[in-house]
Amino acid sequence: MSLDDLKRLVCQHIDLSWNKGRLALTERLHSKDFLYKSSFIDRPLNSSAFTQMVHDIRQAMPDLQVVVEECIAEGNKVMTWSTLIGTIEQPAFGYPASDKVLSFSAMAFWTITPNGEIQTICTMFDMESFRAQQGLAIQALEAKALP
C-alpha cells in the first residue's frame, strides 16, 4: 500500500466508526490480532471490545464528530491528530450528561499490516481539556510533574 492508501484507510476507519457508527464495516478493517490502547481506558481492547466501546460512546454522544486535522504516514505507521466535537447526552464512563458542546484533541498512532489491515491503534486524548470543559476538577500542573 502506498502512504496515501494508508492514510485513506485510517481516515475511512475514523469516519466509519466514530462519525457514522458503521461498526460492522469497521471491524472488517481490523487484523485478527487487532489491539486498541488508549489513555482513556485501563486495558488494551480487541476488535469486538473496541467496537463495543465506540458504540457506547456514540450512544452517550450521538452528535459526536471526529475531524481529522492532520494525517501523516511513514512505513507501515500512520499518525492522526483529530478534534472530537460533541455533547454528552447520557452519562457514560463516569462522566455526567451535559448540554455543553465539548471540543478536545486526540492523537493516535496506527500500525497497518502488510496486507492492509489495521493491527494497532494507540490513542492519547486531551482528558484535562475534556474535564475542564465539563467543569470537573483538573489536576494542577505542579501535581503532575515529577520531582
C-alpha atoms as a PDB file:
ATOM      1  CA  MET A   1       0.000   0.000   0.000  1.00  0.00           C
ATOM      2  CA  SER A   2       1.173   3.490  -0.748  1.00  0.00           C
ATOM      3  CA  LEU A   3       1.429   6.067   2.031  1.00  0.00           C
ATOM      4  CA  ASP A   4      -1.662   7.796   0.603  1.00  0.00           C
ATOM      5  CA  ASP A   5      -3.534   4.458   0.709  1.00  0.00           C
ATOM      6  CA  LEU A   6      -2.560   4.024   4.371  1.00  0.00           C
ATOM      7  CA  LYS A   7      -3.847   7.499   5.201  1.00  0.00           C
ATOM      8  CA  ARG A   8      -7.107   6.844   3.313  1.00  0.00           C
ATOM      9  CA  LEU A   9      -7.600   3.569   5.219  1.00  0.00           C
ATOM     10  CA  VAL A  10      -7.141   5.273   8.592  1.00  0.00           C
ATOM     11  CA  CYS A  11      -9.436   8.181   7.695  1.00  0.00           C
ATOM     12  CA  GLN A  12     -12.032   5.688   6.424  1.00  0.00           C
ATOM     13  CA  HIS A  13     -11.831   3.818   9.747  1.00  0.00           C
ATOM     14  CA  ILE A  14     -12.356   7.046  11.717  1.00  0.00           C
ATOM     15  CA  ASP A  15     -15.284   8.080   9.541  1.00  0.00           C
ATOM     16  CA  LEU A  16     -16.996   4.670   9.583  1.00  0.00           C
ATOM     17  CA  SER A  17     -16.547   4.084  13.318  1.00  0.00           C
ATOM     18  CA  TRP A  18     -16.718   7.400  15.144  1.00  0.00           C
ATOM     19  CA  ASN A  19     -18.692   9.552  12.701  1.00  0.00           C
ATOM     20  CA  LYS A  20     -21.130   7.073  11.140  1.00  0.00           C
ATOM     21  CA  GLY A  21     -21.302   4.183  13.607  1.00  0.00           C
ATOM     22  CA  ARG A  22     -20.876   1.605  10.822  1.00  0.00           C
ATOM     23  CA  LEU A  23     -19.132  -0.725  13.249  1.00  0.00           C
ATOM     24  CA  ALA A  24     -19.532  -3.992  11.326  1.00  0.00           C
ATOM     25  CA  LEU A  25     -17.664  -2.371   8.430  1.00  0.00           C
ATOM     26  CA  THR A  26     -15.068  -1.005  10.830  1.00  0.00           C
ATOM     27  CA  GLU A  27     -14.332  -4.477  12.207  1.00  0.00           C
ATOM     28  CA  ARG A  28     -13.610  -5.720   8.679  1.00  0.00           C
ATOM     29  CA  LEU A  29     -10.663  -3.312   8.566  1.00  0.00           C
ATOM     30  CA  HIS A  30      -9.063  -4.885  11.676  1.00  0.00           C
ATOM     31  CA  SER A  31      -6.451  -7.634  11.658  1.00  0.00           C
ATOM     32  CA  LYS A  32      -7.148 -10.854  13.579  1.00  0.00           C
ATOM     33  CA  ASP A  33      -4.769  -9.695  16.350  1.00  0.00           C
ATOM     34  CA  PHE A  34      -6.079  -6.101  16.470  1.00  0.00           C
ATOM     35  CA  LEU A  35      -5.414  -4.156  19.697  1.00  0.00           C
ATOM     36  CA  TYR A  36      -6.637  -0.737  20.793  1.00  0.00           C
ATOM     37  CA  LYS A  37      -4.798   1.100  23.574  1.00  0.00           C
ATOM     38  CA  SER A  38      -5.786   4.464  24.959  1.00  0.00           C
ATOM     39  CA  SER A  39      -5.186   6.962  27.744  1.00  0.00           C
ATOM     40  CA  PHE A  40      -8.977   6.855  28.184  1.00  0.00           C
ATOM     41  CA  ILE A  41      -9.185   3.173  29.199  1.00  0.00           C
ATOM     42  CA  ASP A  42      -7.221   0.989  31.587  1.00  0.00           C
ATOM     43  CA  ARG A  43      -6.529  -2.060  29.382  1.00  0.00           C
ATOM     44  CA  PRO A  44      -5.992  -2.940  25.721  1.00  0.00           C
ATOM     45  CA  LEU A  45      -9.125  -3.882  23.761  1.00  0.00           C
ATOM     46  CA  ASN A  46      -9.522  -6.454  20.998  1.00  0.00           C
ATOM     47  CA  SER A  47     -11.643  -5.724  17.934  1.00  0.00           C
ATOM     48  CA  SER A  48     -15.014  -6.631  19.429  1.00  0.00           C
ATOM     49  CA  ALA A  49     -14.322  -4.748  22.685  1.00  0.00           C
ATOM     50  CA  PHE A  50     -13.196  -1.691  20.678  1.00  0.00           C
ATOM     51  CA  THR A  51     -16.420  -1.874  18.655  1.00  0.00           C
ATOM     52  CA  GLN A  52     -18.487  -2.036  21.854  1.00  0.00           C
ATOM     53  CA  MET A  53     -16.610   0.941  23.326  1.00  0.00           C
ATOM     54  CA  VAL A  54     -17.247   3.051  20.214  1.00  0.00           C
ATOM     55  CA  HIS A  55     -20.907   2.002  20.278  1.00  0.00           C
ATOM     56  CA  ASP A  56     -21.219   3.020  23.953  1.00  0.00           C
ATOM     57  CA  ILE A  57     -19.554   6.396  23.354  1.00  0.00           C
ATOM     58  CA  ARG A  58     -21.746   7.071  20.318  1.00  0.00           C
ATOM     59  CA  GLN A  59     -24.843   6.193  22.395  1.00  0.00           C
ATOM     60  CA  ALA A  60     -23.791   8.755  25.006  1.00  0.00           C
ATOM     61  CA  MET A  61     -22.699  11.318  22.383  1.00  0.00           C
ATOM     62  CA  PRO A  62     -24.978  10.842  19.342  1.00  0.00           C
ATOM     63  CA  ASP A  63     -23.822  14.130  17.783  1.00  0.00           C
ATOM     64  CA  LEU A  64     -20.127  13.153  18.023  1.00  0.00           C
ATOM     65  CA  GLN A  65     -17.976  14.149  15.065  1.00  0.00           C
ATOM     66  CA  VAL A  66     -14.285  13.448  14.698  1.00  0.00           C
ATOM     67  CA  VAL A  67     -12.431  15.843  12.419  1.00  0.00           C
ATOM     68  CA  VAL A  68      -9.013  14.678  11.234  1.00  0.00           C
ATOM     69  CA  GLU A  69      -6.775  17.732  11.426  1.00  0.00           C
ATOM     70  CA  GLU A  70      -3.527  16.042  10.366  1.00  0.00           C
ATOM     71  CA  CYS A  71      -2.645  12.618   8.983  1.00  0.00           C
ATOM     72  CA  ILE A  72       0.966  11.555   8.427  1.00  0.00           C
ATOM     73  CA  ALA A  73       2.243   8.190   7.192  1.00  0.00           C
ATOM     74  CA  GLU A  74       5.684   6.618   7.175  1.00  0.00           C
ATOM     75  CA  GLY A  75       6.485   2.961   6.551  1.00  0.00           C
ATOM     76  CA  ASN A  76       3.552   0.965   7.925  1.00  0.00           C
ATOM     77  CA  LYS A  77       2.600   3.595  10.525  1.00  0.00           C
ATOM     78  CA  VAL A  78       0.112   6.451  10.439  1.00  0.00           C
ATOM     79  CA  MET A  79      -0.290   9.287  12.935  1.00  0.00           C
ATOM     80  CA  THR A  80      -3.502  11.298  13.220  1.00  0.00           C
ATOM     81  CA  TRP A  81      -4.327  14.415  15.158  1.00  0.00           C
ATOM     82  CA  SER A  82      -8.078  14.837  15.474  1.00  0.00           C
ATOM     83  CA  THR A  83     -10.605  17.100  17.122  1.00  0.00           C
ATOM     84  CA  LEU A  84     -13.631  15.455  18.735  1.00  0.00           C
ATOM     85  CA  ILE A  85     -16.761  17.575  18.989  1.00  0.00           C
ATOM     86  CA  GLY A  86     -19.996  16.574  20.677  1.00  0.00           C
ATOM     87  CA  THR A  87     -22.346  16.692  23.626  1.00  0.00           C
ATOM     88  CA  ILE A  88     -22.601  14.030  26.331  1.00  0.00           C
ATOM     89  CA  GLU A  89     -26.353  13.451  26.319  1.00  0.00           C
ATOM     90  CA  GLN A  90     -26.257  10.358  28.563  1.00  0.00           C
ATOM     91  CA  PRO A  91     -23.877   9.616  31.447  1.00  0.00           C
ATOM     92  CA  ALA A  92     -21.005   7.423  30.276  1.00  0.00           C
ATOM     93  CA  PHE A  93     -17.706   6.127  31.623  1.00  0.00           C
ATOM     94  CA  GLY A  94     -18.230   8.025  34.885  1.00  0.00           C
ATOM     95  CA  TYR A  95     -18.879  11.380  33.190  1.00  0.00           C
ATOM     96  CA  PRO A  96     -22.214  13.152  33.679  1.00  0.00           C
ATOM     97  CA  ALA A  97     -24.608  14.213  30.947  1.00  0.00           C
ATOM     98  CA  SER A  98     -24.292  17.866  29.970  1.00  0.00           C
ATOM     99  CA  ASP A  99     -25.720  20.336  27.494  1.00  0.00           C
ATOM    100  CA  LYS A 100     -22.234  21.683  26.789  1.00  0.00           C
ATOM    101  CA  VAL A 101     -20.701  21.074  23.378  1.00  0.00           C
ATOM    102  CA  LEU A 102     -17.223  19.721  24.053  1.00  0.00           C
ATOM    103  CA  SER A 103     -14.240  20.033  21.735  1.00  0.00           C
ATOM    104  CA  PHE A 104     -10.998  18.269  22.561  1.00  0.00           C
ATOM    105  CA  SER A 105      -8.000  16.786  20.799  1.00  0.00           C
ATOM    106  CA  ALA A 106      -6.735  13.260  20.308  1.00  0.00           C
ATOM    107  CA  MET A 107      -3.561  11.879  18.784  1.00  0.00           C
ATOM    108  CA  ALA A 108      -3.454   8.316  17.515  1.00  0.00           C
ATOM    109  CA  PHE A 109      -0.674   6.100  16.263  1.00  0.00           C
ATOM    110  CA  TRP A 110      -1.774   3.346  13.890  1.00  0.00           C
ATOM    111  CA  THR A 111       0.092   0.251  12.695  1.00  0.00           C
ATOM    112  CA  ILE A 112      -1.013  -1.333   9.411  1.00  0.00           C
ATOM    113  CA  THR A 113      -0.212  -4.930   8.399  1.00  0.00           C
ATOM    114  CA  PRO A 114       1.430  -5.660   5.014  1.00  0.00           C
ATOM    115  CA  ASN A 115      -1.951  -6.785   3.643  1.00  0.00           C
ATOM    116  CA  GLY A 116      -3.636  -3.506   4.613  1.00  0.00           C
ATOM    117  CA  GLU A 117      -5.370  -4.358   7.885  1.00  0.00           C
ATOM    118  CA  ILE A 118      -5.298  -2.191  10.984  1.00  0.00           C
ATOM    119  CA  GLN A 119      -3.277  -4.011  13.638  1.00  0.00           C
ATOM    120  CA  THR A 120      -2.981  -1.451  16.441  1.00  0.00           C
ATOM    121  CA  ILE A 121      -4.327   1.931  17.408  1.00  0.00           C
ATOM    122  CA  CYS A 122      -2.761   3.777  20.351  1.00  0.00           C
ATOM    123  CA  THR A 123      -4.676   6.923  21.245  1.00  0.00           C
ATOM    124  CA  MET A 124      -3.984   9.780  23.621  1.00  0.00           C
ATOM    125  CA  PHE A 125      -6.927  12.041  24.456  1.00  0.00           C
ATOM    126  CA  ASP A 126      -6.612  15.507  25.977  1.00  0.00           C
ATOM    127  CA  MET A 127      -8.610  14.483  29.039  1.00  0.00           C
ATOM    128  CA  GLU A 128      -7.608  17.586  31.008  1.00  0.00           C
ATOM    129  CA  SER A 129      -9.317  19.821  28.441  1.00  0.00           C
ATOM    130  CA  PHE A 130     -12.290  17.436  28.326  1.00  0.00           C
ATOM    131  CA  ARG A 131     -12.676  17.584  32.111  1.00  0.00           C
ATOM    132  CA  ALA A 132     -12.151  21.359  32.287  1.00  0.00           C
ATOM    133  CA  GLN A 133     -14.863  21.974  29.678  1.00  0.00           C
ATOM    134  CA  GLN A 134     -17.258  19.925  31.797  1.00  0.00           C
ATOM    135  CA  GLY A 135     -16.390  21.963  34.874  1.00  0.00           C
ATOM    136  CA  LEU A 136     -14.816  18.935  36.562  1.00  0.00           C
ATOM    137  CA  ALA A 137     -11.742  19.116  38.759  1.00  0.00           C
ATOM    138  CA  ILE A 138      -8.451  19.032  36.911  1.00  0.00           C
ATOM    139  CA  GLN A 139      -5.059  18.183  38.332  1.00  0.00           C
ATOM    140  CA  ALA A 140      -2.729  21.151  38.765  1.00  0.00           C
ATOM    141  CA  LEU A 141       0.366  21.030  36.576  1.00  0.00           C
ATOM    142  CA  GLU A 142       2.719  21.019  39.545  1.00  0.00           C
ATOM    143  CA  ALA A 143       0.913  17.965  40.972  1.00  0.00           C
ATOM    144  CA  LYS A 144       1.566  16.044  37.723  1.00  0.00           C
ATOM    145  CA  ALA A 145       5.227  16.994  37.373  1.00  0.00           C
ATOM    146  CA  LEU A 146       7.872  14.600  38.566  1.00  0.00           C
ATOM    147  CA  PRO A 147      10.151  15.828  41.368  1.00  0.00           C
END
